[in-house]
């Protein structure tokens, strides 16, 4: 997968490529989809959720340039594969999911890999997770129809955020960097499509 898919999608950071080789995706996806773990597809999870594709996961790790000292928020634990990659990259991960099933299963999966620098919490992270803010890195592991400013306000200065915004069928992956107290830069990365984070306001709701 690394050579045939990941490298060809502009992911050339050797640290990212090595990490993907070390953490086996098939250990995290549902058993019935293990044979598809390395395919470039979104794998179905419980509660009508899906995983990101392997290429999107690799690409976000590269653009975030995570440091060993980084404190990371993951909004949406899902199958916990991305949680594991983030934990191996940074100092500590706070991973929040609205479904206790996901956070409960994540604990078992991460323990098998000897990963102990993750705090798993159950709750609605559709407006970030202010309890442990600020963060050096924020990853939204789904999409947001509308980007609520409270997410980027939870970043440290110099902090980076990966988020997919918009509505199906065409959404935009963004890298947002906080460059001052009231200033952020935004870089458009690529187009994709993934279901919205549970609890995230829809466009119409946000306007009201």
C-alpha atoms as a PDB file:
ATOM      1  CA  UNK A   1       0.000   0.000   0.000  1.00  0.00           C
ATOM      2  CA  UNK A   2       2.753   2.451   0.914  1.00  0.00           C
ATOM      3  CA  UNK A   3       4.574   2.148  -2.391  1.00  0.00           C
ATOM      4  CA  UNK A   4       1.608   1.747  -4.735  1.00  0.00           C
ATOM      5  CA  UNK A   5      -0.859   4.197  -3.178  1.00  0.00           C
ATOM      6  CA  UNK A   6       0.587   6.502  -0.552  1.00  0.00           C
ATOM      7  CA  UNK A   7       3.754   7.627  -2.360  1.00  0.00           C
ATOM      8  CA  UNK A   8       1.834   8.321  -5.557  1.00  0.00           C
ATOM      9  CA  UNK A   9      -0.411  10.784  -3.709  1.00  0.00           C
ATOM     10  CA  UNK A  10       2.400  13.211  -2.889  1.00  0.00           C
ATOM     11  CA  UNK A  11       3.177  11.651   0.486  1.00  0.00           C
ATOM     12  CA  UNK A  12       6.969  11.521   0.532  1.00  0.00           C
ATOM     13  CA  UNK A  13       7.739  12.132   4.216  1.00  0.00           C
ATOM     14  CA  UNK A  14       9.692   9.040   5.237  1.00  0.00           C
ATOM     15  CA  UNK A  15       8.582   9.319   8.867  1.00  0.00           C
ATOM     16  CA  UNK A  16       4.946   9.136   7.771  1.00  0.00           C
ATOM     17  CA  UNK A  17       5.629   6.227   5.429  1.00  0.00           C
ATOM     18  CA  UNK A  18       7.487   4.324   8.158  1.00  0.00           C
ATOM     19  CA  UNK A  19       4.693   4.971  10.650  1.00  0.00           C
ATOM     20  CA  UNK A  20       2.049   3.607   8.299  1.00  0.00           C
ATOM     21  CA  UNK A  21       4.175   0.524   7.838  1.00  0.00           C
ATOM     22  CA  UNK A  22       4.477   0.019  11.604  1.00  0.00           C
ATOM     23  CA  UNK A  23       0.823   0.461  12.622  1.00  0.00           C
ATOM     24  CA  UNK A  24      -1.252  -2.144  10.796  1.00  0.00           C
ATOM     25  CA  UNK A  25      -4.601  -0.781   9.659  1.00  0.00           C
ATOM     26  CA  UNK A  26      -6.179  -4.238   9.582  1.00  0.00           C
ATOM     27  CA  UNK A  27      -5.822  -4.406  13.382  1.00  0.00           C
ATOM     28  CA  UNK A  28      -8.225  -1.483  13.774  1.00  0.00           C
ATOM     29  CA  UNK A  29     -10.986  -1.845  11.193  1.00  0.00           C
ATOM     30  CA  UNK A  30     -13.981  -4.165  11.808  1.00  0.00           C
ATOM     31  CA  UNK A  31     -13.093  -7.835  11.355  1.00  0.00           C
ATOM     32  CA  UNK A  32     -15.463  -8.280   8.409  1.00  0.00           C
ATOM     33  CA  UNK A  33     -13.562  -5.569   6.491  1.00  0.00           C
ATOM     34  CA  UNK A  34     -10.009  -6.649   7.262  1.00  0.00           C
ATOM     35  CA  UNK A  35      -9.452  -7.674   3.654  1.00  0.00           C
ATOM     36  CA  UNK A  36     -10.235  -4.084   2.617  1.00  0.00           C
ATOM     37  CA  UNK A  37      -8.058  -2.440   5.271  1.00  0.00           C
ATOM     38  CA  UNK A  38      -5.409  -1.367   2.758  1.00  0.00           C
ATOM     39  CA  UNK A  39      -7.797  -0.493  -0.078  1.00  0.00           C
ATOM     40  CA  UNK A  40      -8.425   3.131  -0.977  1.00  0.00           C
ATOM     41  CA  UNK A  41     -11.990   3.089   0.324  1.00  0.00           C
ATOM     42  CA  UNK A  42     -13.911   4.394   3.305  1.00  0.00           C
ATOM     43  CA  UNK A  43     -14.636   1.397   5.515  1.00  0.00           C
ATOM     44  CA  UNK A  44     -18.061   1.273   7.192  1.00  0.00           C
ATOM     45  CA  UNK A  45     -18.171   1.471  10.988  1.00  0.00           C
ATOM     46  CA  UNK A  46     -21.041   1.281  13.463  1.00  0.00           C
ATOM     47  CA  UNK A  47     -23.511   4.177  13.789  1.00  0.00           C
ATOM     48  CA  UNK A  48     -23.320   4.940  10.049  1.00  0.00           C
ATOM     49  CA  UNK A  49     -19.758   6.186  10.419  1.00  0.00           C
ATOM     50  CA  UNK A  50     -16.854   5.460   8.061  1.00  0.00           C
ATOM     51  CA  UNK A  51     -13.078   5.656   8.147  1.00  0.00           C
ATOM     52  CA  UNK A  52     -11.084   8.110   6.107  1.00  0.00           C
ATOM     53  CA  UNK A  53      -9.219   6.499   3.219  1.00  0.00           C
ATOM     54  CA  UNK A  54      -5.566   5.506   3.813  1.00  0.00           C
ATOM     55  CA  UNK A  55      -4.380   8.212   1.413  1.00  0.00           C
ATOM     56  CA  UNK A  56      -6.231  10.972   3.272  1.00  0.00           C
ATOM     57  CA  UNK A  57      -4.863   9.710   6.591  1.00  0.00           C
ATOM     58  CA  UNK A  58      -1.308   9.741   5.235  1.00  0.00           C
ATOM     59  CA  UNK A  59      -1.715  13.130   3.619  1.00  0.00           C
ATOM     60  CA  UNK A  60      -3.019  14.776   6.782  1.00  0.00           C
ATOM     61  CA  UNK A  61      -0.134  13.385   8.824  1.00  0.00           C
ATOM     62  CA  UNK A  62       2.322  14.866   6.344  1.00  0.00           C
ATOM     63  CA  UNK A  63       0.787  18.352   6.194  1.00  0.00           C
ATOM     64  CA  UNK A  64       0.388  18.626   9.971  1.00  0.00           C
ATOM     65  CA  UNK A  65       4.129  17.967  10.487  1.00  0.00           C
ATOM     66  CA  UNK A  66       3.486  16.697  14.012  1.00  0.00           C
ATOM     67  CA  UNK A  67       6.264  17.137  16.562  1.00  0.00           C
ATOM     68  CA  UNK A  68       7.060  14.839  19.476  1.00  0.00           C
ATOM     69  CA  UNK A  69       6.108  17.679  21.833  1.00  0.00           C
ATOM     70  CA  UNK A  70       2.663  18.288  20.310  1.00  0.00           C
ATOM     71  CA  UNK A  71      -0.581  18.005  22.253  1.00  0.00           C
ATOM     72  CA  UNK A  72      -3.259  16.773  19.851  1.00  0.00           C
ATOM     73  CA  UNK A  73      -7.057  16.826  19.793  1.00  0.00           C
ATOM     74  CA  UNK A  74      -8.823  14.249  17.643  1.00  0.00           C
ATOM     75  CA  UNK A  75     -12.529  15.015  17.190  1.00  0.00           C
ATOM     76  CA  UNK A  76     -14.017  11.615  16.363  1.00  0.00           C
ATOM     77  CA  UNK A  77     -12.201   8.463  17.481  1.00  0.00           C
ATOM     78  CA  UNK A  78     -13.877   6.072  15.057  1.00  0.00           C
ATOM     79  CA  UNK A  79     -11.926   2.833  14.621  1.00  0.00           C
ATOM     80  CA  UNK A  80      -8.887   4.379  16.422  1.00  0.00           C
ATOM     81  CA  UNK A  81      -6.401   3.758  13.604  1.00  0.00           C
ATOM     82  CA  UNK A  82      -5.814   7.477  13.108  1.00  0.00           C
ATOM     83  CA  UNK A  83      -5.686   7.824  16.897  1.00  0.00           C
ATOM     84  CA  UNK A  84      -2.785   5.384  16.955  1.00  0.00           C
ATOM     85  CA  UNK A  85      -0.934   7.201  14.172  1.00  0.00           C
ATOM     86  CA  UNK A  86      -1.357  10.541  15.962  1.00  0.00           C
ATOM     87  CA  UNK A  87      -0.220   9.062  19.269  1.00  0.00           C
ATOM     88  CA  UNK A  88       2.939   7.631  17.694  1.00  0.00           C
ATOM     89  CA  UNK A  89       3.641  11.057  16.182  1.00  0.00           C
ATOM     90  CA  UNK A  90       3.015  13.471  19.077  1.00  0.00           C
ATOM     91  CA  UNK A  91       3.333  13.748  22.835  1.00  0.00           C
ATOM     92  CA  UNK A  92      -0.288  13.216  23.859  1.00  0.00           C
ATOM     93  CA  UNK A  93      -3.643  12.759  22.140  1.00  0.00           C
ATOM     94  CA  UNK A  94      -7.061  13.638  23.527  1.00  0.00           C
ATOM     95  CA  UNK A  95      -9.492  11.644  21.384  1.00  0.00           C
ATOM     96  CA  UNK A  96     -13.195  12.344  21.802  1.00  0.00           C
ATOM     97  CA  UNK A  97     -16.140  10.460  20.332  1.00  0.00           C
ATOM     98  CA  UNK A  98     -19.851  10.791  20.962  1.00  0.00           C
ATOM     99  CA  UNK A  99     -20.267   6.995  20.868  1.00  0.00           C
ATOM    100  CA  UNK A 100     -19.006   5.127  23.977  1.00  0.00           C
ATOM    101  CA  UNK A 101     -18.634   1.999  21.835  1.00  0.00           C
ATOM    102  CA  UNK A 102     -15.832   3.632  19.828  1.00  0.00           C
ATOM    103  CA  UNK A 103     -13.892   4.986  22.794  1.00  0.00           C
ATOM    104  CA  UNK A 104     -14.287   1.672  24.635  1.00  0.00           C
ATOM    105  CA  UNK A 105     -12.998  -0.378  21.708  1.00  0.00           C
ATOM    106  CA  UNK A 106     -10.200   2.127  21.109  1.00  0.00           C
ATOM    107  CA  UNK A 107      -8.766   1.512  24.564  1.00  0.00           C
ATOM    108  CA  UNK A 108      -8.376  -2.206  23.828  1.00  0.00           C
ATOM    109  CA  UNK A 109      -6.847  -1.649  20.384  1.00  0.00           C
ATOM    110  CA  UNK A 110      -4.367   0.964  21.586  1.00  0.00           C
ATOM    111  CA  UNK A 111      -3.317  -1.177  24.548  1.00  0.00           C
ATOM    112  CA  UNK A 112      -2.433  -4.006  22.164  1.00  0.00           C
ATOM    113  CA  UNK A 113       0.023  -1.649  20.477  1.00  0.00           C
ATOM    114  CA  UNK A 114       1.457  -0.442  23.767  1.00  0.00           C
ATOM    115  CA  UNK A 115       0.142   3.052  23.136  1.00  0.00           C
ATOM    116  CA  UNK A 116      -0.470   4.789  26.466  1.00  0.00           C
ATOM    117  CA  UNK A 117      -0.286   8.487  25.589  1.00  0.00           C
ATOM    118  CA  UNK A 118      -3.964   8.808  24.641  1.00  0.00           C
ATOM    119  CA  UNK A 119      -6.812  10.150  26.761  1.00  0.00           C
ATOM    120  CA  UNK A 120     -10.125   8.753  25.489  1.00  0.00           C
ATOM    121  CA  UNK A 121     -13.217  10.756  26.359  1.00  0.00           C
ATOM    122  CA  UNK A 122     -16.856  10.345  25.362  1.00  0.00           C
ATOM    123  CA  UNK A 123     -18.793  13.455  24.375  1.00  0.00           C
ATOM    124  CA  UNK A 124     -19.848  15.826  21.608  1.00  0.00           C
ATOM    125  CA  UNK A 125     -16.724  17.312  20.006  1.00  0.00           C
ATOM    126  CA  UNK A 126     -18.585  19.081  17.192  1.00  0.00           C
ATOM    127  CA  UNK A 127     -17.422  22.406  18.660  1.00  0.00           C
ATOM    128  CA  UNK A 128     -13.980  21.226  19.643  1.00  0.00           C
ATOM    129  CA  UNK A 129     -13.103  20.132  23.175  1.00  0.00           C
ATOM    130  CA  UNK A 130     -12.384  23.155  25.341  1.00  0.00           C
ATOM    131  CA  UNK A 131     -11.728  21.069  28.471  1.00  0.00           C
ATOM    132  CA  UNK A 132      -8.087  20.475  27.541  1.00  0.00           C
ATOM    133  CA  UNK A 133      -7.428  23.402  25.180  1.00  0.00           C
ATOM    134  CA  UNK A 134      -5.254  24.855  23.792  1.00  0.00           C
ATOM    135  CA  UNK A 135      -3.815  22.283  21.390  1.00  0.00           C
ATOM    136  CA  UNK A 136      -0.839  22.208  19.062  1.00  0.00           C
ATOM    137  CA  UNK A 137      -2.727  20.044  16.561  1.00  0.00           C
ATOM    138  CA  UNK A 138      -6.427  19.425  15.929  1.00  0.00           C
ATOM    139  CA  UNK A 139      -7.752  16.734  13.585  1.00  0.00           C
ATOM    140  CA  UNK A 140     -11.437  16.411  12.763  1.00  0.00           C
ATOM    141  CA  UNK A 141     -11.918  12.764  11.841  1.00  0.00           C
ATOM    142  CA  UNK A 142     -15.053  13.406   9.724  1.00  0.00           C
ATOM    143  CA  UNK A 143     -16.299  16.537   7.950  1.00  0.00           C
ATOM    144  CA  UNK A 144     -17.873  19.772   9.154  1.00  0.00           C
ATOM    145  CA  UNK A 145     -20.544  21.306   6.879  1.00  0.00           C
ATOM    146  CA  UNK A 146     -19.649  24.641   8.484  1.00  0.00           C
ATOM    147  CA  UNK A 147     -16.399  25.365  10.284  1.00  0.00           C
ATOM    148  CA  UNK A 148     -17.222  26.805  13.694  1.00  0.00           C
ATOM    149  CA  UNK A 149     -14.538  29.339  14.739  1.00  0.00           C
ATOM    150  CA  UNK A 150     -14.350  27.733  18.173  1.00  0.00           C
ATOM    151  CA  UNK A 151     -12.192  24.960  16.710  1.00  0.00           C
ATOM    152  CA  UNK A 152      -9.398  27.186  15.486  1.00  0.00           C
ATOM    153  CA  UNK A 153      -9.640  29.316  18.632  1.00  0.00           C
ATOM    154  CA  UNK A 154      -8.589  26.224  20.597  1.00  0.00           C
ATOM    155  CA  UNK A 155      -5.215  26.137  18.831  1.00  0.00           C
ATOM    156  CA  UNK A 156      -1.992  27.430  20.320  1.00  0.00           C
ATOM    157  CA  UNK A 157      -0.216  30.076  18.273  1.00  0.00           C
ATOM    158  CA  UNK A 158       1.660  28.042  15.689  1.00  0.00           C
ATOM    159  CA  UNK A 159      -0.901  25.247  16.032  1.00  0.00           C
ATOM    160  CA  UNK A 160      -2.267  23.414  12.988  1.00  0.00           C
ATOM    161  CA  UNK A 161      -5.671  21.987  12.232  1.00  0.00           C
ATOM    162  CA  UNK A 162      -6.808  19.508   9.577  1.00  0.00           C
ATOM    163  CA  UNK A 163     -10.484  19.639   8.704  1.00  0.00           C
ATOM    164  CA  UNK A 164     -12.733  18.703   5.787  1.00  0.00           C
ATOM    165  CA  UNK A 165     -15.501  21.244   5.189  1.00  0.00           C
ATOM    166  CA  UNK A 166     -18.503  21.606   2.944  1.00  0.00           C
ATOM    167  CA  UNK A 167     -21.307  19.343   1.780  1.00  0.00           C
ATOM    168  CA  UNK A 168     -21.414  16.234  -0.392  1.00  0.00           C
ATOM    169  CA  UNK A 169     -20.461  15.425  -3.090  1.00  0.00           C
ATOM    170  CA  UNK A 170     -17.514  17.846  -3.080  1.00  0.00           C
ATOM    171  CA  UNK A 171     -15.816  18.866   0.146  1.00  0.00           C
ATOM    172  CA  UNK A 172     -12.526  20.651   0.731  1.00  0.00           C
ATOM    173  CA  UNK A 173      -9.702  19.504   2.988  1.00  0.00           C
ATOM    174  CA  UNK A 174      -8.046  22.436   4.734  1.00  0.00           C
ATOM    175  CA  UNK A 175      -4.904  23.075   6.758  1.00  0.00           C
ATOM    176  CA  UNK A 176      -5.518  25.944   9.183  1.00  0.00           C
ATOM    177  CA  UNK A 177      -2.584  27.443  11.080  1.00  0.00           C
ATOM    178  CA  UNK A 178      -2.887  29.922  13.937  1.00  0.00           C
ATOM    179  CA  UNK A 179      -0.347  32.667  13.319  1.00  0.00           C
ATOM    180  CA  UNK A 180      -1.470  35.212  15.933  1.00  0.00           C
ATOM    181  CA  UNK A 181      -3.965  35.931  18.703  1.00  0.00           C
ATOM    182  CA  UNK A 182      -6.673  36.742  16.159  1.00  0.00           C
ATOM    183  CA  UNK A 183      -5.083  35.569  12.937  1.00  0.00           C
ATOM    184  CA  UNK A 184      -5.145  32.256  11.077  1.00  0.00           C
ATOM    185  CA  UNK A 185      -3.936  31.140   7.663  1.00  0.00           C
ATOM    186  CA  UNK A 186      -5.873  28.640   5.558  1.00  0.00           C
ATOM    187  CA  UNK A 187      -4.465  26.355   2.855  1.00  0.00           C
ATOM    188  CA  UNK A 188      -6.703  24.343   0.551  1.00  0.00           C
ATOM    189  CA  UNK A 189      -5.264  20.826   0.164  1.00  0.00           C
ATOM    190  CA  UNK A 190      -7.563  18.657  -1.960  1.00  0.00           C
ATOM    191  CA  UNK A 191     -11.191  17.715  -2.581  1.00  0.00           C
ATOM    192  CA  UNK A 192     -12.821  14.685  -0.960  1.00  0.00           C
ATOM    193  CA  UNK A 193     -16.143  13.526   0.498  1.00  0.00           C
ATOM    194  CA  UNK A 194     -16.892  12.042   3.931  1.00  0.00           C
ATOM    195  CA  UNK A 195     -19.924  12.090   6.261  1.00  0.00           C
ATOM    196  CA  UNK A 196     -20.253  14.939   8.737  1.00  0.00           C
ATOM    197  CA  UNK A 197     -19.134  14.608  12.329  1.00  0.00           C
ATOM    198  CA  UNK A 198     -22.075  13.527  14.475  1.00  0.00           C
ATOM    199  CA  UNK A 199     -23.591  16.608  16.100  1.00  0.00           C
ATOM    200  CA  UNK A 200     -22.024  19.083  13.684  1.00  0.00           C
ATOM    201  CA  UNK A 201     -24.509  21.800  12.636  1.00  0.00           C
ATOM    202  CA  UNK A 202     -25.765  21.721   9.079  1.00  0.00           C
ATOM    203  CA  UNK A 203     -25.434  24.784   6.872  1.00  0.00           C
ATOM    204  CA  UNK A 204     -29.061  25.831   7.366  1.00  0.00           C
ATOM    205  CA  UNK A 205     -28.857  25.356  11.128  1.00  0.00           C
ATOM    206  CA  UNK A 206     -25.695  27.444  11.326  1.00  0.00           C
ATOM    207  CA  UNK A 207     -27.299  30.314   9.410  1.00  0.00           C
ATOM    208  CA  UNK A 208     -30.236  30.428  11.802  1.00  0.00           C
END
